[in-house]
C-alpha atoms as a PDB file:
ATOM      1  CA  MET A   1      10.026  -5.369 -28.833  1.00  0.00           C
ATOM      2  CA  LYS A   2      10.052  -1.753 -27.670  1.00  0.00           C
ATOM      3  CA  ILE A   3       6.828  -2.294 -25.755  1.00  0.00           C
ATOM      4  CA  LEU A   4       8.419  -5.116 -23.774  1.00  0.00           C
ATOM      5  CA  TRP A   5      11.359  -2.912 -22.821  1.00  0.00           C
ATOM      6  CA  ILE A   6       9.028  -0.099 -21.787  1.00  0.00           C
ATOM      7  CA  ALA A   7       6.949  -2.520 -19.691  1.00  0.00           C
ATOM      8  CA  LEU A   8      10.098  -3.877 -18.061  1.00  0.00           C
ATOM      9  CA  LEU A   9      11.392  -0.389 -17.237  1.00  0.00           C
ATOM     10  CA  ALA A  10       7.980   0.638 -15.905  1.00  0.00           C
ATOM     11  CA  ALA A  11       7.891  -2.423 -13.627  1.00  0.00           C
ATOM     12  CA  ILE A  12      11.386  -1.671 -12.324  1.00  0.00           C
ATOM     13  CA  ALA A  13      10.474   1.978 -11.731  1.00  0.00           C
ATOM     14  CA  TRP A  14       7.324   0.878  -9.847  1.00  0.00           C
ATOM     15  CA  ARG A  15       9.467  -1.414  -7.688  1.00  0.00           C
ATOM     16  CA  MET A  16      11.911   1.410  -6.920  1.00  0.00           C
ATOM     17  CA  ILE A  17       9.149   3.864  -5.998  1.00  0.00           C
ATOM     18  CA  PHE A  18       6.765   1.622  -4.041  1.00  0.00           C
ATOM     19  CA  GLY A  19       9.090  -1.157  -2.864  1.00  0.00           C
ATOM     20  CA  ARG A  20       6.899  -3.863  -4.384  1.00  0.00           C
ATOM     21  CA  TRP A  21       6.362  -5.245  -7.860  1.00  0.00           C
ATOM     22  CA  PRO A  22       3.212  -4.051  -9.651  1.00  0.00           C
ATOM     23  CA  TRP A  23       1.659  -7.536  -9.508  1.00  0.00           C
ATOM     24  CA  GLN A  24       2.229  -7.659  -5.745  1.00  0.00           C
ATOM     25  CA  THR A  25       0.471  -4.324  -5.340  1.00  0.00           C
ATOM     26  CA  LEU A  26      -2.503  -5.533  -7.351  1.00  0.00           C
ATOM     27  CA  GLY A  27      -2.715  -8.742  -5.355  1.00  0.00           C
ATOM     28  CA  ILE A  28      -1.802 -11.169  -8.131  1.00  0.00           C
ATOM     29  CA  SER A  29       1.614 -12.282  -6.915  1.00  0.00           C
ATOM     30  CA  ASN A  30       0.444 -15.869  -6.373  1.00  0.00           C
ATOM     31  CA  TRP A  31      -1.891 -16.038  -9.344  1.00  0.00           C
ATOM     32  CA  PRO A  32      -1.603 -19.735 -10.231  1.00  0.00           C
ATOM     33  CA  GLU A  33      -2.525 -20.881  -6.706  1.00  0.00           C
ATOM     34  CA  LYS A  34      -5.202 -18.342  -5.797  1.00  0.00           C
ATOM     35  CA  PRO A  35      -7.099 -16.008  -8.124  1.00  0.00           C
ATOM     36  CA  ALA A  36      -6.597 -12.336  -7.421  1.00  0.00           C
ATOM     37  CA  GLN A  37      -9.247 -10.786  -5.260  1.00  0.00           C
ATOM     38  CA  ARG A  38      -8.974  -7.031  -5.257  1.00  0.00           C
ATOM     39  CA  ARG A  39     -10.438  -5.599  -2.104  1.00  0.00           C
ATOM     40  CA  GLY A  40     -11.617  -2.077  -1.595  1.00  0.00           C
ATOM     41  CA  SER A  41     -11.083   1.075  -3.557  1.00  0.00           C
ATOM     42  CA  PHE A  42      -8.086   2.527  -5.312  1.00  0.00           C
ATOM     43  CA  ALA A  43      -7.471   4.782  -2.284  1.00  0.00           C
ATOM     44  CA  GLU A  44      -7.267   1.715  -0.060  1.00  0.00           C
ATOM     45  CA  ALA A  45      -4.787   0.090  -2.425  1.00  0.00           C
ATOM     46  CA  GLU A  46      -2.617   3.214  -2.405  1.00  0.00           C
ATOM     47  CA  ALA A  47      -2.801   3.356   1.398  1.00  0.00           C
ATOM     48  CA  ARG A  48      -1.710  -0.284   1.651  1.00  0.00           C
ATOM     49  CA  VAL A  49       1.219   0.369  -0.673  1.00  0.00           C
ATOM     50  CA  LEU A  50       2.241   3.495   1.248  1.00  0.00           C
ATOM     51  CA  LEU A  51       2.248   1.679   4.583  1.00  0.00           C
ATOM     52  CA  GLY A  52       3.530  -1.611   3.125  1.00  0.00           C
ATOM     53  CA  LEU A  53       0.595  -3.722   4.268  1.00  0.00           C
ATOM     54  CA  GLU A  54      -1.076  -6.860   2.918  1.00  0.00           C
ATOM     55  CA  ASP A  55      -4.814  -7.093   2.240  1.00  0.00           C
ATOM     56  CA  ASP A  56      -5.547  -8.996   5.440  1.00  0.00           C
ATOM     57  CA  ALA A  57      -3.855  -6.568   7.856  1.00  0.00           C
ATOM     58  CA  GLY A  58      -5.744  -5.909  11.058  1.00  0.00           C
ATOM     59  CA  ARG A  59      -6.039  -2.808  13.221  1.00  0.00           C
ATOM     60  CA  LYS A  60      -2.861  -3.553  15.184  1.00  0.00           C
ATOM     61  CA  GLU A  61      -0.798  -4.090  12.008  1.00  0.00           C
ATOM     62  CA  ILE A  62      -2.155  -0.880  10.458  1.00  0.00           C
ATOM     63  CA  LEU A  63      -1.238   1.167  13.525  1.00  0.00           C
ATOM     64  CA  GLU A  64       2.233  -0.403  13.769  1.00  0.00           C
ATOM     65  CA  ALA A  65       2.938   0.176  10.069  1.00  0.00           C
ATOM     66  CA  HIS A  66       1.753   3.780  10.423  1.00  0.00           C
ATOM     67  CA  ARG A  67       4.046   4.325  13.403  1.00  0.00           C
ATOM     68  CA  ARG A  68       7.027   2.823  11.542  1.00  0.00           C
ATOM     69  CA  HIS A  69       6.326   4.917   8.447  1.00  0.00           C
ATOM     70  CA  LEU A  70       5.994   8.113  10.510  1.00  0.00           C
ATOM     71  CA  ALA A  71       9.391   7.461  12.071  1.00  0.00           C
ATOM     72  CA  THR A  72      10.945   7.701   8.597  1.00  0.00           C
ATOM     73  CA  VAL A  73       8.957  10.620   7.130  1.00  0.00           C
ATOM     74  CA  HIS A  74       8.640  12.909  10.160  1.00  0.00           C
ATOM     75  CA  PRO A  75       9.940  16.457   9.563  1.00  0.00           C
ATOM     76  CA  ASP A  76      12.367  16.079  12.454  1.00  0.00           C
ATOM     77  CA  ARG A  77      13.980  13.216  10.525  1.00  0.00           C
ATOM     78  CA  GLY A  78      14.198  14.929   7.155  1.00  0.00           C
ATOM     79  CA  GLY A  79      10.660  14.249   5.945  1.00  0.00           C
ATOM     80  CA  SER A  80       7.928  16.750   5.203  1.00  0.00           C
ATOM     81  CA  ASN A  81       4.519  17.719   6.520  1.00  0.00           C
ATOM     82  CA  GLU A  82       2.939  16.431   3.299  1.00  0.00           C
ATOM     83  CA  GLN A  83       4.392  12.963   3.902  1.00  0.00           C
ATOM     84  CA  VAL A  84       3.031  12.953   7.455  1.00  0.00           C
ATOM     85  CA  HIS A  85      -0.410  14.011   6.185  1.00  0.00           C
ATOM     86  CA  ALA A  86      -0.314  11.252   3.544  1.00  0.00           C
ATOM     87  CA  ALA A  87       0.597   8.655   6.183  1.00  0.00           C
ATOM     88  CA  ASN A  88      -2.216   9.836   8.454  1.00  0.00           C
ATOM     89  CA  ALA A  89      -4.696   9.748   5.569  1.00  0.00           C
ATOM     90  CA  ALA A  90      -3.567   6.224   4.659  1.00  0.00           C
ATOM     91  CA  ARG A  91      -4.050   5.073   8.251  1.00  0.00           C
ATOM     92  CA  ASP A  92      -7.494   6.669   8.452  1.00  0.00           C
ATOM     93  CA  THR A  93      -8.554   5.168   5.110  1.00  0.00           C
ATOM     94  CA  LEU A  94      -7.517   1.659   6.119  1.00  0.00           C
ATOM     95  CA  LEU A  95      -9.067   1.862   9.572  1.00  0.00           C
ATOM     96  CA  ALA A  96     -12.338   3.127   8.091  1.00  0.00           C
ATOM     97  CA  ALA A  97     -12.320   0.271   5.559  1.00  0.00           C
ATOM     98  CA  LEU A  98     -11.661  -2.194   8.363  1.00  0.00           C
ATOM     99  CA  GLU A  99     -14.645  -0.851  10.336  1.00  0.00           C
ATOM    100  CA  ARG A 100     -16.869  -0.989   7.214  1.00  0.00           C
ATOM    101  CA  SER A 101     -15.942  -4.601   6.566  1.00  0.00           C
ATOM    102  CA  ALA A 102     -16.567  -5.498  10.214  1.00  0.00           C
ATOM    103  CA  LYS A 103     -20.065  -3.969  10.038  1.00  0.00           C
ATOM    104  CA  THR A 104     -20.982  -5.830   6.844  1.00  0.00           C
ATOM    105  CA  SER A 105     -19.677  -9.176   8.093  1.00  0.00           C
END
């Protein structure tokens, strides 16, 4: 019974930190209809969570999400340089993955 409570609290904490449920982050939110297909590396998954993007986001969506995220974490608005660097790294990771998938397709 304690394990269930710990799992529940961990899921709620994940939701509070990342803004999504753990199963949404892992791509299994609609599991009965469509099997989960995890794309890319762990770094790509973290970048998608940071910018709040779905797996099928294109270049335009990535850049818009990056711009929106920067507006909230910029040092002039109470954020930090580390948050800006993380947002830039997330954008670069996702754009590089997008280019890699375009070359292999």
